[in-house]
Amino acid sequence: MTMTDPNRDDLFWVLALAPPLAARLYGDGWETAVQRLLLLAIALGIAYAWAGLFAHRAGRPLGPGLPAFAMIFILMLPGPVAWGGAVLALSFGAVFGREIFGGRAILPPALVGLAFAIFSFPEGGFEARSVLALSPDLLFTMSCLPGATLLMVRGSLAWQVAAGAVIGAMAAAFLMGDPAWWGHPALGAFAAGVLFLAAAPECATAGPGARWLHGLLAGGLIVVIRLANPDQPDGVVFGLLLGGLFAPLLDRALNWRPGHG
């Protein structure tokens, strides 16, 4: 019995996301770690339940990406959150980020769900605050690299987007006068967001030039949100969401050719 390509893709994503999830659990207290694991189980159930409902009604297979959706949503959380808000956000991300498009996401459903949660529950703990006062989380950042490298080797992530985001973040921080401009890629959920959301197929543009611009834009937006807001939010989710929405336009602009009469 051989594993199908979608199942194989899901397996590689689970393997890639396991180290950063383990790093999150290591940094949590035991109560928070237990809550995170329980919420992961709930997230998987929600993802498969909505996918199963829509797939049954449309007469199509579930499609890949469900384990990655649940795992990314959970590892992006900075700490404990209200379960009711998390369930609503996961359902929103599943339905409006994936299922209404026939099971094919136009933006990562985890990103859609997290944006919904932060906008709907601003005090719900779905995004870190005062991020500039935090110490760089090198363990979490480094834990993202092995899995991201594996996915890049397989062609599942766009390395140009990730590299562009790091450059864009540091350049924006330097231009805005932040003395710790070099540390932004290791703050908050930057590493996980850039590697597993911005560089993912649902977000990344097609052409290499547009991918660099997409990364530069997303990384720069994250830092602008961090530095321009008095609350100093993490900025990763909304920076990546805006960058992802502009990605098709960047692709079209770089591939535009004047018509010939």
Protein backbone atom coordinates (compact mmCIF):
# COMPACT_ATOMS: atom_id res chain seq x y z
CA MET A 1 0.00 0.00 0.00
CA THR A 2 1.53 3.26 -1.13
CA MET A 3 0.94 6.70 0.32
CA THR A 4 -0.79 9.15 -2.00
CA ASP A 5 0.83 12.49 -2.79
CA PRO A 6 -1.59 14.56 -0.63
CA ASN A 7 -1.03 12.23 2.32
CA ARG A 8 2.72 12.39 1.79
CA ASP A 9 2.57 16.19 1.70
CA ASP A 10 0.61 16.24 4.95
CA LEU A 11 3.17 13.93 6.55
CA PHE A 12 6.07 16.22 5.59
CA TRP A 13 4.20 19.26 6.91
CA VAL A 14 3.54 17.51 10.22
CA LEU A 15 7.22 16.59 10.49
CA ALA A 16 8.24 20.16 9.67
CA LEU A 17 5.88 21.72 12.20
CA ALA A 18 6.65 19.30 15.04
CA PRO A 19 9.89 21.04 16.21
CA PRO A 20 8.41 24.55 16.57
CA LEU A 21 5.35 23.09 18.26
CA ALA A 22 7.64 21.24 20.67
CA ALA A 23 9.54 24.50 21.30
CA ARG A 24 6.27 26.24 22.13
CA LEU A 25 5.34 23.46 24.55
CA TYR A 26 8.79 23.63 26.15
CA GLY A 27 8.43 27.36 26.73
CA ASP A 28 4.91 27.02 28.14
CA GLY A 29 4.16 26.20 31.72
CA TRP A 30 2.66 22.75 32.12
CA GLU A 31 -0.90 24.10 32.34
CA THR A 32 -0.48 26.17 29.18
CA ALA A 33 1.19 23.23 27.42
CA VAL A 34 -1.73 20.95 28.27
CA GLN A 35 -4.19 23.57 27.05
CA ARG A 36 -2.23 23.99 23.83
CA LEU A 37 -2.30 20.24 23.18
CA LEU A 38 -6.01 19.98 23.93
CA LEU A 39 -6.68 22.94 21.66
CA LEU A 40 -4.65 21.24 18.95
CA ALA A 41 -6.91 18.19 19.20
CA ILE A 42 -9.96 20.47 18.95
CA ALA A 43 -8.42 22.32 15.99
CA LEU A 44 -7.85 19.05 14.13
CA GLY A 45 -11.43 18.00 14.82
CA ILE A 46 -12.80 21.33 13.55
CA ALA A 47 -10.65 21.27 10.41
CA TYR A 48 -11.68 17.73 9.50
CA ALA A 49 -15.34 18.29 10.44
CA TRP A 50 -15.77 21.30 8.17
CA ALA A 51 -13.74 19.67 5.39
CA GLY A 52 -15.82 16.50 5.66
CA LEU A 53 -19.11 18.42 5.58
CA PHE A 54 -18.21 20.44 2.49
CA ALA A 55 -16.56 17.48 0.76
CA HIS A 56 -19.64 15.32 1.33
CA ARG A 57 -21.99 17.94 -0.07
CA ALA A 58 -19.75 18.60 -3.08
CA GLY A 59 -18.84 14.96 -3.71
CA ARG A 60 -15.10 15.60 -3.59
CA PRO A 61 -12.20 14.34 -1.45
CA LEU A 62 -11.14 16.17 1.69
CA GLY A 63 -7.94 17.48 0.14
CA PRO A 64 -4.55 18.09 1.75
CA GLY A 65 -3.43 20.68 4.28
CA LEU A 66 -5.74 20.00 7.22
CA PRO A 67 -3.08 18.93 9.77
CA ALA A 68 -0.90 21.89 8.80
CA PHE A 69 -3.84 24.27 9.21
CA ALA A 70 -4.49 23.11 12.77
CA MET A 71 -0.83 22.93 13.81
CA ILE A 72 0.11 26.36 12.43
CA PHE A 73 -2.87 28.01 14.12
CA ILE A 74 -1.88 26.49 17.47
CA LEU A 75 1.86 27.19 17.33
CA MET A 76 1.23 30.82 16.32
CA LEU A 77 -0.61 31.46 19.59
CA PRO A 78 1.63 33.25 22.11
CA GLY A 79 -0.11 31.74 25.12
CA PRO A 80 -3.47 30.72 26.57
CA VAL A 81 -6.61 31.86 24.74
CA ALA A 82 -10.34 31.50 25.30
CA TRP A 83 -11.50 28.25 23.74
CA GLY A 84 -14.75 29.75 22.49
CA GLY A 85 -12.93 32.41 20.52
CA ALA A 86 -10.47 29.83 19.22
CA VAL A 87 -13.28 27.57 18.01
CA LEU A 88 -14.96 30.47 16.20
CA ALA A 89 -11.67 31.56 14.63
CA LEU A 90 -10.79 28.04 13.51
CA SER A 91 -14.24 27.60 11.98
CA PHE A 92 -13.98 30.96 10.20
CA GLY A 93 -10.56 30.07 8.83
CA ALA A 94 -11.73 26.63 7.71
CA VAL A 95 -14.86 27.87 5.95
CA PHE A 96 -13.79 31.22 4.52
CA GLY A 97 -10.12 30.41 4.07
CA ARG A 98 -10.56 27.04 2.42
CA GLU A 99 -13.87 25.25 2.05
CA ILE A 100 -15.94 27.83 0.18
CA PHE A 101 -13.26 27.76 -2.52
CA GLY A 102 -13.75 24.04 -3.09
CA GLY A 103 -11.15 22.99 -0.55
CA ARG A 104 -8.43 25.00 -2.26
CA ALA A 105 -7.18 27.90 -0.16
CA ILE A 106 -6.37 31.29 -1.68
CA LEU A 107 -4.76 32.35 1.60
CA PRO A 108 -3.59 30.02 4.38
CA PRO A 109 -6.70 29.20 6.43
CA ALA A 110 -4.66 29.49 9.64
CA LEU A 111 -3.80 33.08 8.67
CA VAL A 112 -7.45 33.86 7.93
CA GLY A 113 -8.55 32.37 11.24
CA LEU A 114 -5.89 34.19 13.25
CA ALA A 115 -6.75 37.52 11.61
CA PHE A 116 -10.41 36.95 12.49
CA ALA A 117 -9.49 36.14 16.09
CA ILE A 118 -7.25 39.19 16.56
CA PHE A 119 -9.83 41.52 15.01
CA SER A 120 -12.82 40.02 16.84
CA PHE A 121 -11.13 39.42 20.20
CA PRO A 122 -8.42 42.09 20.52
CA GLU A 123 -7.89 41.29 24.20
CA GLY A 124 -8.17 37.54 23.73
CA GLY A 125 -4.45 36.78 23.75
CA PHE A 126 -4.28 35.74 20.10
CA GLU A 127 -1.40 38.15 19.46
CA ALA A 128 1.55 39.15 21.63
CA ARG A 129 1.62 42.75 22.86
CA SER A 130 4.60 44.93 23.82
CA VAL A 131 6.65 42.70 21.55
CA LEU A 132 9.59 45.11 21.53
CA ALA A 133 10.02 44.54 25.26
CA LEU A 134 10.36 40.78 24.75
CA SER A 135 13.68 39.01 24.45
CA PRO A 136 14.36 37.31 21.10
CA ASP A 137 13.06 33.72 21.23
CA LEU A 138 16.01 32.00 19.62
CA LEU A 139 14.84 28.51 20.52
CA PHE A 140 11.51 28.96 18.75
CA THR A 141 13.14 30.70 15.81
CA MET A 142 15.79 28.03 15.34
CA SER A 143 13.24 25.24 15.75
CA CYS A 144 11.44 26.50 12.65
CA LEU A 145 14.48 26.18 10.40
CA PRO A 146 14.89 22.38 10.00
CA GLY A 147 11.28 21.83 8.96
CA ALA A 148 11.28 24.87 6.70
CA THR A 149 14.45 23.62 5.03
CA LEU A 150 12.83 20.22 4.46
CA LEU A 151 9.79 21.82 2.86
CA MET A 152 11.92 24.14 0.73
CA VAL A 153 13.93 21.19 -0.58
CA ARG A 154 10.65 19.53 -1.55
CA GLY A 155 9.49 22.72 -3.27
CA SER A 156 6.66 23.29 -0.79
CA LEU A 157 7.91 26.68 0.41
CA ALA A 158 9.21 29.71 -1.49
CA TRP A 159 12.61 30.55 0.01
CA GLN A 160 12.66 33.91 -1.78
CA VAL A 161 9.64 35.08 0.24
CA ALA A 162 11.27 34.07 3.52
CA ALA A 163 14.60 35.70 2.67
CA GLY A 164 12.87 38.84 1.41
CA ALA A 165 10.81 39.10 4.60
CA VAL A 166 13.91 38.97 6.80
CA ILE A 167 15.62 41.64 4.71
CA GLY A 168 12.47 43.76 4.59
CA ALA A 169 11.97 43.57 8.34
CA MET A 170 15.53 44.55 9.19
CA ALA A 171 15.58 47.31 6.57
CA ALA A 172 12.30 48.80 7.79
CA ALA A 173 13.43 48.68 11.43
CA PHE A 174 16.74 50.35 10.53
CA LEU A 175 15.04 53.09 8.51
CA MET A 176 12.57 53.73 11.33
CA GLY A 177 15.42 54.21 13.79
CA ASP A 178 15.03 51.06 15.89
CA PRO A 179 18.43 50.40 17.49
CA ALA A 180 17.61 46.68 17.73
CA TRP A 181 16.75 46.48 14.01
CA TRP A 182 18.60 43.21 13.60
CA GLY A 183 16.46 41.34 16.17
CA HIS A 184 12.98 41.58 14.65
CA PRO A 185 13.08 38.19 12.85
CA ALA A 186 13.54 36.49 16.24
CA LEU A 187 10.70 38.34 17.98
CA GLY A 188 7.19 37.00 18.41
CA ALA A 189 5.86 34.64 15.78
CA PHE A 190 7.91 36.15 12.94
CA ALA A 191 9.84 32.98 12.06
CA ALA A 192 6.85 30.65 12.03
CA GLY A 193 4.63 33.14 10.24
CA VAL A 194 7.08 33.98 7.50
CA LEU A 195 8.26 30.43 6.90
CA PHE A 196 5.01 28.49 7.19
CA LEU A 197 2.45 31.10 6.12
CA ALA A 198 3.99 33.76 3.86
CA ALA A 199 6.19 31.28 1.99
CA ALA A 200 3.43 28.65 1.70
CA PRO A 201 1.87 27.89 -1.70
CA GLU A 202 -1.42 29.61 -0.79
CA CYS A 203 0.37 32.92 -0.19
CA ALA A 204 3.50 32.87 -2.32
CA THR A 205 3.46 34.36 -5.80
CA ALA A 206 4.52 32.42 -8.88
CA GLY A 207 7.49 34.37 -10.23
CA PRO A 208 10.81 34.62 -8.34
CA GLY A 209 10.97 38.40 -8.69
CA ALA A 210 7.47 38.82 -7.29
CA ARG A 211 8.36 36.47 -4.45
CA TRP A 212 11.23 38.72 -3.39
CA LEU A 213 8.96 41.77 -3.49
CA HIS A 214 6.24 39.90 -1.61
CA GLY A 215 8.71 39.00 1.13
CA LEU A 216 10.13 42.51 1.35
CA LEU A 217 6.63 43.96 1.60
CA ALA A 218 5.43 41.48 4.23
CA GLY A 219 8.53 41.82 6.41
CA GLY A 220 8.45 45.60 6.19
CA LEU A 221 4.75 45.74 7.07
CA ILE A 222 5.30 43.59 10.16
CA VAL A 223 7.89 46.01 11.50
CA VAL A 224 5.85 49.10 10.61
CA ILE A 225 2.90 47.67 12.56
CA ARG A 226 5.18 46.91 15.51
CA LEU A 227 6.85 50.29 15.66
CA ALA A 228 3.96 52.57 14.68
CA ASN A 229 1.46 51.17 17.18
CA PRO A 230 1.78 52.27 20.83
CA ASP A 231 0.71 48.78 21.96
CA GLN A 232 3.60 47.28 19.98
CA PRO A 233 1.67 44.23 18.72
CA ASP A 234 3.47 41.34 17.11
CA GLY A 235 2.16 42.48 13.71
CA VAL A 236 2.92 39.18 12.01
CA VAL A 237 -0.64 38.15 11.17
CA PHE A 238 -1.83 41.42 9.68
CA GLY A 239 1.51 42.10 7.98
CA LEU A 240 1.38 38.72 6.26
CA LEU A 241 -2.31 39.09 5.45
CA LEU A 242 -1.73 42.42 3.70
CA GLY A 243 1.33 41.06 1.94
CA GLY A 244 -0.62 38.00 0.79
CA LEU A 245 -3.45 40.13 -0.57
CA PHE A 246 -0.99 42.21 -2.61
CA ALA A 247 0.99 39.18 -3.83
CA PRO A 248 -1.12 38.50 -6.96
CA LEU A 249 -0.89 42.17 -7.92
CA LEU A 250 2.91 42.06 -7.63
CA ASP A 251 2.99 38.94 -9.79
CA ARG A 252 0.76 40.55 -12.41
CA ALA A 253 2.75 43.81 -12.39
CA LEU A 254 6.09 42.07 -12.99
CA ASN A 255 4.65 39.89 -15.74
CA TRP A 256 2.70 42.70 -17.43
CA ARG A 257 3.43 43.30 -21.08
CA PRO A 258 1.90 46.15 -23.12
CA GLY A 259 -0.63 44.95 -25.65
CA HIS A 260 0.17 45.04 -29.31
CA GLY A 261 -2.33 46.51 -31.69
